[in-house]
Amino acid sequence: DKALREALLAFSYHLTIGNMDEAYRAVLAIKSSSVWRNMAKMCVKTRRVDVAEVCLGNMGDARGALAVRDTASEREPEARIAMLAIQLGMIEDA
């Protein structure tokens, strides 16, 4: 629907310019776990683990969110991206 499309466009815009607060506010009203899952997958591509943690939480994927959070102490940022990709079933991107 139109409101969902506008929210996703606003999210993408604010994510691109690095305005995380506005990006999060743009999608607060979204309740669809499939939309959150697609946004989490987009976060793998854009390498935004911080945003993906919010997406995983809104998806209701506590196990995935915990697994990604457990990699916070990793020195290599690619390790966090890989864990996120694995949790989302994106093995090729891991």
PDB file of N, CA and C in Angstrom:
ATOM      1  N   ASP A   1       0.825  -1.183   0.000  1.00  0.00           N
ATOM      2  CA  ASP A   1       0.000   0.000   0.000  1.00  0.00           C
ATOM      3  C   ASP A   1       0.868   1.244   0.000  1.00  0.00           C
ATOM      4  N   LYS A   2       0.249   2.377  -0.197  1.00  0.00           N
ATOM      5  CA  LYS A   2       0.991   3.623  -0.387  1.00  0.00           C
ATOM      6  C   LYS A   2       1.772   4.036   0.873  1.00  0.00           C
ATOM      7  N   ALA A   3       1.172   3.907   2.033  1.00  0.00           N
ATOM      8  CA  ALA A   3       1.847   4.308   3.275  1.00  0.00           C
ATOM      9  C   ALA A   3       3.088   3.459   3.522  1.00  0.00           C
ATOM     10  N   LEU A   4       2.983   2.165   3.250  1.00  0.00           N
ATOM     11  CA  LEU A   4       4.116   1.268   3.424  1.00  0.00           C
ATOM     12  C   LEU A   4       5.240   1.641   2.454  1.00  0.00           C
ATOM     13  N   ARG A   5       4.889   1.893   1.219  1.00  0.00           N
ATOM     14  CA  ARG A   5       5.878   2.273   0.208  1.00  0.00           C
ATOM     15  C   ARG A   5       6.591   3.564   0.605  1.00  0.00           C
ATOM     16  N   GLU A   6       5.828   4.549   1.075  1.00  0.00           N
ATOM     17  CA  GLU A   6       6.436   5.818   1.482  1.00  0.00           C
ATOM     18  C   GLU A   6       7.348   5.625   2.691  1.00  0.00           C
ATOM     19  N   ALA A   7       6.933   4.773   3.633  1.00  0.00           N
ATOM     20  CA  ALA A   7       7.759   4.510   4.813  1.00  0.00           C
ATOM     21  C   ALA A   7       9.072   3.843   4.417  1.00  0.00           C
ATOM     22  N   LEU A   8       9.014   2.903   3.487  1.00  0.00           N
ATOM     23  CA  LEU A   8      10.222   2.217   3.046  1.00  0.00           C
ATOM     24  C   LEU A   8      11.149   3.142   2.264  1.00  0.00           C
ATOM     25  N   LEU A   9      10.576   4.013   1.463  1.00  0.00           N
ATOM     26  CA  LEU A   9      11.396   4.989   0.741  1.00  0.00           C
ATOM     27  C   LEU A   9      12.076   5.954   1.710  1.00  0.00           C
ATOM     28  N   ALA A  10      11.334   6.406   2.699  1.00  0.00           N
ATOM     29  CA  ALA A  10      11.918   7.301   3.696  1.00  0.00           C
ATOM     30  C   ALA A  10      13.014   6.583   4.476  1.00  0.00           C
ATOM     31  N   PHE A  11      12.769   5.317   4.817  1.00  0.00           N
ATOM     32  CA  PHE A  11      13.771   4.514   5.520  1.00  0.00           C
ATOM     33  C   PHE A  11      15.047   4.417   4.680  1.00  0.00           C
ATOM     34  N   SER A  12      14.907   4.059   3.423  1.00  0.00           N
ATOM     35  CA  SER A  12      16.065   3.915   2.541  1.00  0.00           C
ATOM     36  C   SER A  12      16.823   5.226   2.394  1.00  0.00           C
ATOM     37  N   TYR A  13      16.082   6.297   2.243  1.00  0.00           N
ATOM     38  CA  TYR A  13      16.722   7.614   2.094  1.00  0.00           C
ATOM     39  C   TYR A  13      17.536   7.965   3.335  1.00  0.00           C
ATOM     40  N   HIS A  14      16.907   7.877   4.496  1.00  0.00           N
ATOM     41  CA  HIS A  14      17.587   8.258   5.734  1.00  0.00           C
ATOM     42  C   HIS A  14      18.736   7.302   6.052  1.00  0.00           C
ATOM     43  N   LEU A  15      18.580   6.040   5.707  1.00  0.00           N
ATOM     44  CA  LEU A  15      19.668   5.075   5.904  1.00  0.00           C
ATOM     45  C   LEU A  15      20.858   5.449   5.029  1.00  0.00           C
ATOM     46  N   THR A  16      20.582   5.844   3.795  1.00  0.00           N
ATOM     47  CA  THR A  16      21.638   6.197   2.855  1.00  0.00           C
ATOM     48  C   THR A  16      22.431   7.426   3.308  1.00  0.00           C
ATOM     49  N   ILE A  17      21.745   8.405   3.856  1.00  0.00           N
ATOM     50  CA  ILE A  17      22.444   9.622   4.274  1.00  0.00           C
ATOM     51  C   ILE A  17      22.994   9.504   5.695  1.00  0.00           C
ATOM     52  N   GLY A  18      22.749   8.354   6.332  1.00  0.00           N
ATOM     53  CA  GLY A  18      23.322   8.108   7.651  1.00  0.00           C
ATOM     54  C   GLY A  18      22.520   8.646   8.814  1.00  0.00           C
ATOM     55  N   ASN A  19      21.287   9.019   8.573  1.00  0.00           N
ATOM     56  CA  ASN A  19      20.426   9.552   9.629  1.00  0.00           C
ATOM     57  C   ASN A  19      19.607   8.402  10.227  1.00  0.00           C
ATOM     58  N   MET A  20      20.219   7.679  11.164  1.00  0.00           N
ATOM     59  CA  MET A  20      19.608   6.467  11.698  1.00  0.00           C
ATOM     60  C   MET A  20      18.330   6.739  12.484  1.00  0.00           C
ATOM     61  N   ASP A  21      18.288   7.832  13.218  1.00  0.00           N
ATOM     62  CA  ASP A  21      17.103   8.136  14.014  1.00  0.00           C
ATOM     63  C   ASP A  21      15.878   8.319  13.128  1.00  0.00           C
ATOM     64  N   GLU A  22      16.038   9.075  12.060  1.00  0.00           N
ATOM     65  CA  GLU A  22      14.918   9.300  11.139  1.00  0.00           C
ATOM     66  C   GLU A  22      14.557   8.025  10.382  1.00  0.00           C
ATOM     67  N   ALA A  23      15.557   7.223  10.036  1.00  0.00           N
ATOM     68  CA  ALA A  23      15.286   5.961   9.340  1.00  0.00           C
ATOM     69  C   ALA A  23      14.428   5.059  10.222  1.00  0.00           C
ATOM     70  N   TYR A  24      14.778   4.985  11.497  1.00  0.00           N
ATOM     71  CA  TYR A  24      14.009   4.159  12.422  1.00  0.00           C
ATOM     72  C   TYR A  24      12.595   4.705  12.604  1.00  0.00           C
ATOM     73  N   ARG A  25      12.469   6.021  12.747  1.00  0.00           N
ATOM     74  CA  ARG A  25      11.140   6.620  12.914  1.00  0.00           C
ATOM     75  C   ARG A  25      10.252   6.380  11.686  1.00  0.00           C
ATOM     76  N   ALA A  26      10.869   6.319  10.522  1.00  0.00           N
ATOM     77  CA  ALA A  26      10.102   6.139   9.287  1.00  0.00           C
ATOM     78  C   ALA A  26       9.393   4.800   9.238  1.00  0.00           C
ATOM     79  N   VAL A  27       9.942   3.798   9.921  1.00  0.00           N
ATOM     80  CA  VAL A  27       9.368   2.451   9.803  1.00  0.00           C
ATOM     81  C   VAL A  27       8.788   1.922  11.116  1.00  0.00           C
ATOM     82  N   LEU A  28       8.637   2.771  12.103  1.00  0.00           N
ATOM     83  CA  LEU A  28       8.105   2.319  13.387  1.00  0.00           C
ATOM     84  C   LEU A  28       6.725   1.674  13.281  1.00  0.00           C
ATOM     85  N   ALA A  29       5.899   2.167  12.398  1.00  0.00           N
ATOM     86  CA  ALA A  29       4.523   1.680  12.307  1.00  0.00           C
ATOM     87  C   ALA A  29       4.388   0.367  11.542  1.00  0.00           C
ATOM     88  N   ILE A  30       5.445  -0.097  10.906  1.00  0.00           N
ATOM     89  CA  ILE A  30       5.367  -1.331  10.118  1.00  0.00           C
ATOM     90  C   ILE A  30       5.303  -2.528  11.045  1.00  0.00           C
ATOM     91  N   LYS A  31       4.318  -3.369  10.842  1.00  0.00           N
ATOM     92  CA  LYS A  31       4.125  -4.548  11.686  1.00  0.00           C
ATOM     93  C   LYS A  31       4.414  -5.855  10.955  1.00  0.00           C
ATOM     94  N   SER A  32       4.604  -5.810   9.664  1.00  0.00           N
ATOM     95  CA  SER A  32       4.798  -7.014   8.858  1.00  0.00           C
ATOM     96  C   SER A  32       6.205  -7.576   9.043  1.00  0.00           C
ATOM     97  N   SER A  33       6.298  -8.822   9.508  1.00  0.00           N
ATOM     98  CA  SER A  33       7.618  -9.426   9.709  1.00  0.00           C
ATOM     99  C   SER A  33       8.333  -9.655   8.380  1.00  0.00           C
ATOM    100  N   SER A  34       7.591  -9.861   7.305  1.00  0.00           N
ATOM    101  CA  SER A  34       8.248 -10.053   6.008  1.00  0.00           C
ATOM    102  C   SER A  34       8.905  -8.757   5.531  1.00  0.00           C
ATOM    103  N   VAL A  35       8.311  -7.626   5.820  1.00  0.00           N
ATOM    104  CA  VAL A  35       8.920  -6.345   5.458  1.00  0.00           C
ATOM    105  C   VAL A  35      10.191  -6.136   6.278  1.00  0.00           C
ATOM    106  N   TRP A  36      10.121  -6.450   7.580  1.00  0.00           N
ATOM    107  CA  TRP A  36      11.308  -6.328   8.431  1.00  0.00           C
ATOM    108  C   TRP A  36      12.411  -7.271   7.955  1.00  0.00           C
ATOM    109  N   ARG A  37      12.029  -8.473   7.520  1.00  0.00           N
ATOM    110  CA  ARG A  37      13.013  -9.433   7.025  1.00  0.00           C
ATOM    111  C   ARG A  37      13.707  -8.897   5.768  1.00  0.00           C
ATOM    112  N   ASN A  38      12.932  -8.329   4.857  1.00  0.00           N
ATOM    113  CA  ASN A  38      13.519  -7.761   3.643  1.00  0.00           C
ATOM    114  C   ASN A  38      14.430  -6.581   3.966  1.00  0.00           C
ATOM    115  N   MET A  39      14.059  -5.784   4.958  1.00  0.00           N
ATOM    116  CA  MET A  39      14.927  -4.675   5.353  1.00  0.00           C
ATOM    117  C   MET A  39      16.210  -5.203   5.985  1.00  0.00           C
ATOM    118  N   ALA A  40      16.112  -6.295   6.751  1.00  0.00           N
ATOM    119  CA  ALA A  40      17.310  -6.908   7.338  1.00  0.00           C
ATOM    120  C   ALA A  40      18.233  -7.419   6.235  1.00  0.00           C
ATOM    121  N   LYS A  41      17.654  -8.004   5.205  1.00  0.00           N
ATOM    122  CA  LYS A  41      18.469  -8.468   4.078  1.00  0.00           C
ATOM    123  C   LYS A  41      19.134  -7.301   3.368  1.00  0.00           C
ATOM    124  N   MET A  42      18.435  -6.184   3.271  1.00  0.00           N
ATOM    125  CA  MET A  42      19.018  -4.999   2.675  1.00  0.00           C
ATOM    126  C   MET A  42      20.193  -4.513   3.537  1.00  0.00           C
ATOM    127  N   CYS A  43      20.079  -4.695   4.842  1.00  0.00           N
ATOM    128  CA  CYS A  43      21.155  -4.290   5.746  1.00  0.00           C
ATOM    129  C   CYS A  43      22.414  -5.130   5.541  1.00  0.00           C
ATOM    130  N   VAL A  44      22.251  -6.391   5.115  1.00  0.00           N
ATOM    131  CA  VAL A  44      23.426  -7.206   4.788  1.00  0.00           C
ATOM    132  C   VAL A  44      24.140  -6.577   3.598  1.00  0.00           C
ATOM    133  N   LYS A  45      23.373  -6.197   2.607  1.00  0.00           N
ATOM    134  CA  LYS A  45      23.962  -5.614   1.395  1.00  0.00           C
ATOM    135  C   LYS A  45      24.623  -4.265   1.670  1.00  0.00           C
ATOM    136  N   THR A  46      24.009  -3.473   2.575  1.00  0.00           N
ATOM    137  CA  THR A  46      24.559  -2.156   2.884  1.00  0.00           C
ATOM    138  C   THR A  46      25.511  -2.196   4.078  1.00  0.00           C
ATOM    139  N   ARG A  47      25.666  -3.382   4.685  1.00  0.00           N
ATOM    140  CA  ARG A  47      26.605  -3.616   5.785  1.00  0.00           C
ATOM    141  C   ARG A  47      26.253  -2.812   7.032  1.00  0.00           C
ATOM    142  N   ARG A  48      24.962  -2.707   7.318  1.00  0.00           N
ATOM    143  CA  ARG A  48      24.485  -1.957   8.483  1.00  0.00           C
ATOM    144  C   ARG A  48      23.952  -2.929   9.533  1.00  0.00           C
ATOM    145  N   VAL A  49      24.839  -3.450  10.342  1.00  0.00           N
ATOM    146  CA  VAL A  49      24.458  -4.423  11.369  1.00  0.00           C
ATOM    147  C   VAL A  49      23.612  -3.765  12.446  1.00  0.00           C
ATOM    148  N   ASP A  50      23.882  -2.498  12.756  1.00  0.00           N
ATOM    149  CA  ASP A  50      23.119  -1.811  13.786  1.00  0.00           C
ATOM    150  C   ASP A  50      21.636  -1.738  13.434  1.00  0.00           C
ATOM    151  N   VAL A  51      21.343  -1.439  12.191  1.00  0.00           N
ATOM    152  CA  VAL A  51      19.952  -1.374  11.743  1.00  0.00           C
ATOM    153  C   VAL A  51      19.364  -2.777  11.672  1.00  0.00           C
ATOM    154  N   ALA A  52      20.162  -3.734  11.253  1.00  0.00           N
ATOM    155  CA  ALA A  52      19.685  -5.113  11.137  1.00  0.00           C
ATOM    156  C   ALA A  52      19.263  -5.674  12.489  1.00  0.00           C
ATOM    157  N   GLU A  53      19.945  -5.286  13.557  1.00  0.00           N
ATOM    158  CA  GLU A  53      19.548  -5.753  14.887  1.00  0.00           C
ATOM    159  C   GLU A  53      18.134  -5.305  15.224  1.00  0.00           C
ATOM    160  N   VAL A  54      17.783  -4.087  14.851  1.00  0.00           N
ATOM    161  CA  VAL A  54      16.427  -3.585  15.062  1.00  0.00           C
ATOM    162  C   VAL A  54      15.447  -4.380  14.210  1.00  0.00           C
ATOM    163  N   CYS A  55      15.836  -4.649  12.973  1.00  0.00           N
ATOM    164  CA  CYS A  55      14.974  -5.422  12.073  1.00  0.00           C
ATOM    165  C   CYS A  55      14.727  -6.826  12.629  1.00  0.00           C
ATOM    166  N   LEU A  56      15.783  -7.477  13.097  1.00  0.00           N
ATOM    167  CA  LEU A  56      15.632  -8.823  13.667  1.00  0.00           C
ATOM    168  C   LEU A  56      14.707  -8.800  14.868  1.00  0.00           C
ATOM    169  N   GLY A  57      14.847  -7.799  15.696  1.00  0.00           N
ATOM    170  CA  GLY A  57      13.964  -7.680  16.855  1.00  0.00           C
ATOM    171  C   GLY A  57      12.517  -7.501  16.455  1.00  0.00           C
ATOM    172  N   ASN A  58      12.264  -6.677  15.448  1.00  0.00           N
ATOM    173  CA  ASN A  58      10.891  -6.460  14.986  1.00  0.00           C
ATOM    174  C   ASN A  58      10.337  -7.654  14.224  1.00  0.00           C
ATOM    175  N   MET A  59      11.225  -8.499  13.708  1.00  0.00           N
ATOM    176  CA  MET A  59      10.793  -9.742  13.062  1.00  0.00           C
ATOM    177  C   MET A  59      10.362 -10.762  14.109  1.00  0.00           C
ATOM    178  N   GLY A  60      10.815 -10.560  15.345  1.00  0.00           N
ATOM    179  CA  GLY A  60      10.554 -11.536  16.397  1.00  0.00           C
ATOM    180  C   GLY A  60      11.590 -12.637  16.416  1.00  0.00           C
ATOM    181  N   ASP A  61      12.740 -12.402  15.790  1.00  0.00           N
ATOM    182  CA  ASP A  61      13.797 -13.407  15.718  1.00  0.00           C
ATOM    183  C   ASP A  61      14.807 -13.152  16.842  1.00  0.00           C
ATOM    184  N   ALA A  62      14.428 -13.558  18.050  1.00  0.00           N
ATOM    185  CA  ALA A  62      15.277 -13.323  19.218  1.00  0.00           C
ATOM    186  C   ALA A  62      16.591 -14.092  19.104  1.00  0.00           C
ATOM    187  N   ARG A  63      16.524 -15.318  18.601  1.00  0.00           N
ATOM    188  CA  ARG A  63      17.737 -16.129  18.467  1.00  0.00           C
ATOM    189  C   ARG A  63      18.717 -15.481  17.497  1.00  0.00           C
ATOM    190  N   GLY A  64      18.209 -14.996  16.371  1.00  0.00           N
ATOM    191  CA  GLY A  64      19.063 -14.329  15.390  1.00  0.00           C
ATOM    192  C   GLY A  64      19.652 -13.040  15.929  1.00  0.00           C
ATOM    193  N   ALA A  65      18.823 -12.255  16.634  1.00  0.00           N
ATOM    194  CA  ALA A  65      19.306 -11.010  17.214  1.00  0.00           C
ATOM    195  C   ALA A  65      20.401 -11.283  18.242  1.00  0.00           C
ATOM    196  N   LEU A  66      20.217 -12.325  19.041  1.00  0.00           N
ATOM    197  CA  LEU A  66      21.221 -12.679  20.044  1.00  0.00           C
ATOM    198  C   LEU A  66      22.517 -13.136  19.379  1.00  0.00           C
ATOM    199  N   ALA A  67      22.406 -13.946  18.327  1.00  0.00           N
ATOM    200  CA  ALA A  67      23.592 -14.434  17.620  1.00  0.00           C
ATOM    201  C   ALA A  67      24.387 -13.274  17.030  1.00  0.00           C
ATOM    202  N   VAL A  68      23.701 -12.307  16.453  1.00  0.00           N
ATOM    203  CA  VAL A  68      24.380 -11.146  15.874  1.00  0.00           C
ATOM    204  C   VAL A  68      24.981 -10.286  16.983  1.00  0.00           C
ATOM    205  N   ARG A  69      24.239 -10.103  18.055  1.00  0.00           N
ATOM    206  CA  ARG A  69      24.736  -9.302  19.175  1.00  0.00           C
ATOM    207  C   ARG A  69      25.972  -9.942  19.800  1.00  0.00           C
ATOM    208  N   ASP A  70      26.023 -11.267  19.817  1.00  0.00           N
ATOM    209  CA  ASP A  70      27.179 -11.972  20.386  1.00  0.00           C
ATOM    210  C   ASP A  70      28.457 -11.749  19.590  1.00  0.00           C
ATOM    211  N   THR A  71      28.338 -11.295  18.352  1.00  0.00           N
ATOM    212  CA  THR A  71      29.528 -11.029  17.533  1.00  0.00           C
ATOM    213  C   THR A  71      30.034  -9.598  17.698  1.00  0.00           C
ATOM    214  N   ALA A  72      29.440  -8.843  18.608  1.00  0.00           N
ATOM    215  CA  ALA A  72      29.816  -7.432  18.776  1.00  0.00           C
ATOM    216  C   ALA A  72      31.284  -7.264  19.153  1.00  0.00           C
ATOM    217  N   SER A  73      31.855  -8.251  19.805  1.00  0.00           N
ATOM    218  CA  SER A  73      33.251  -8.131  20.231  1.00  0.00           C
ATOM    219  C   SER A  73      34.249  -8.547  19.147  1.00  0.00           C
ATOM    220  N   GLU A  74      33.757  -9.012  18.018  1.00  0.00           N
ATOM    221  CA  GLU A  74      34.641  -9.413  16.920  1.00  0.00           C
ATOM    222  C   GLU A  74      35.381  -8.199  16.363  1.00  0.00           C
ATOM    223  N   ARG A  75      36.649  -8.382  16.074  1.00  0.00           N
ATOM    224  CA  ARG A  75      37.452  -7.286  15.516  1.00  0.00           C
ATOM    225  C   ARG A  75      37.086  -7.001  14.067  1.00  0.00           C
ATOM    226  N   GLU A  76      36.789  -8.043  13.337  1.00  0.00           N
ATOM    227  CA  GLU A  76      36.473  -7.897  11.914  1.00  0.00           C
ATOM    228  C   GLU A  76      34.975  -7.614  11.732  1.00  0.00           C
ATOM    229  N   PRO A  77      34.625  -6.480  11.134  1.00  0.00           N
ATOM    230  CA  PRO A  77      33.208  -6.195  10.904  1.00  0.00           C
ATOM    231  C   PRO A  77      32.555  -7.210   9.969  1.00  0.00           C
ATOM    232  N   GLU A  78      33.366  -7.854   9.125  1.00  0.00           N
ATOM    233  CA  GLU A  78      32.821  -8.858   8.215  1.00  0.00           C
ATOM    234  C   GLU A  78      32.249 -10.049   8.977  1.00  0.00           C
ATOM    235  N   ALA A  79      32.773 -10.316  10.170  1.00  0.00           N
ATOM    236  CA  ALA A  79      32.266 -11.427  10.975  1.00  0.00           C
ATOM    237  C   ALA A  79      30.827 -11.151  11.410  1.00  0.00           C
ATOM    238  N   ARG A  80      30.536  -9.916  11.755  1.00  0.00           N
ATOM    239  CA  ARG A  80      29.171  -9.555  12.148  1.00  0.00           C
ATOM    240  C   ARG A  80      28.226  -9.642  10.950  1.00  0.00           C
ATOM    241  N   ILE A  81      28.697  -9.168   9.795  1.00  0.00           N
ATOM    242  CA  ILE A  81      27.886  -9.239   8.579  1.00  0.00           C
ATOM    243  C   ILE A  81      27.626 -10.702   8.215  1.00  0.00           C
ATOM    244  N   ALA A  82      28.659 -11.535   8.337  1.00  0.00           N
ATOM    245  CA  ALA A  82      28.515 -12.959   8.016  1.00  0.00           C
ATOM    246  C   ALA A  82      27.495 -13.622   8.930  1.00  0.00           C
ATOM    247  N   MET A  83      27.540 -13.326  10.226  1.00  0.00           N
ATOM    248  CA  MET A  83      26.577 -13.918  11.151  1.00  0.00           C
ATOM    249  C   MET A  83      25.164 -13.460  10.827  1.00  0.00           C
ATOM    250  N   LEU A  84      25.010 -12.202  10.493  1.00  0.00           N
ATOM    251  CA  LEU A  84      23.705 -11.683  10.104  1.00  0.00           C
ATOM    252  C   LEU A  84      23.200 -12.395   8.860  1.00  0.00           C
ATOM    253  N   ALA A  85      24.069 -12.529   7.864  1.00  0.00           N
ATOM    254  CA  ALA A  85      23.673 -13.211   6.631  1.00  0.00           C
ATOM    255  C   ALA A  85      23.266 -14.651   6.899  1.00  0.00           C
ATOM    256  N   ILE A  86      24.011 -15.338   7.746  1.00  0.00           N
ATOM    257  CA  ILE A  86      23.672 -16.730   8.097  1.00  0.00           C
ATOM    258  C   ILE A  86      22.303 -16.787   8.766  1.00  0.00           C
ATOM    259  N   GLN A  87      22.046 -15.885   9.680  1.00  0.00           N
ATOM    260  CA  GLN A  87      20.758 -15.871  10.390  1.00  0.00           C
ATOM    261  C   GLN A  87      19.586 -15.631   9.444  1.00  0.00           C
ATOM    262  N   LEU A  88      19.846 -14.930   8.348  1.00  0.00           N
ATOM    263  CA  LEU A  88      18.799 -14.636   7.377  1.00  0.00           C
ATOM    264  C   LEU A  88      18.752 -15.644   6.235  1.00  0.00           C
ATOM    265  N   GLY A  89      19.618 -16.667   6.308  1.00  0.00           N
ATOM    266  CA  GLY A  89      19.637 -17.676   5.261  1.00  0.00           C
ATOM    267  C   GLY A  89      20.323 -17.226   3.994  1.00  0.00           C
ATOM    268  N   MET A  90      21.151 -16.216   4.091  1.00  0.00           N
ATOM    269  CA  MET A  90      21.852 -15.666   2.923  1.00  0.00           C
ATOM    270  C   MET A  90      23.270 -16.212   2.914  1.00  0.00           C
ATOM    271  N   ILE A  91      23.400 -17.503   2.775  1.00  0.00           N
ATOM    272  CA  ILE A  91      24.685 -18.190   2.900  1.00  0.00           C
ATOM    273  C   ILE A  91      25.706 -17.654   1.891  1.00  0.00           C
ATOM    274  N   GLU A  92      25.271 -17.333   0.679  1.00  0.00           N
ATOM    275  CA  GLU A  92      26.206 -16.845  -0.338  1.00  0.00           C
ATOM    276  C   GLU A  92      26.834 -15.516   0.076  1.00  0.00           C
ATOM    277  N   ASP A  93      26.104 -14.711   0.852  1.00  0.00           N
ATOM    278  CA  ASP A  93      26.612 -13.419   1.283  1.00  0.00           C
ATOM    279  C   ASP A  93      27.462 -13.521   2.539  1.00  0.00           C
ATOM    280  N   ALA A  94      27.435 -14.667   3.190  1.00  0.00           N
ATOM    281  CA  ALA A  94      28.211 -14.850   4.408  1.00  0.00           C
ATOM    282  C   ALA A  94      29.647 -15.061   4.010  1.00  0.00           C
TER     283      ALA A  94
END
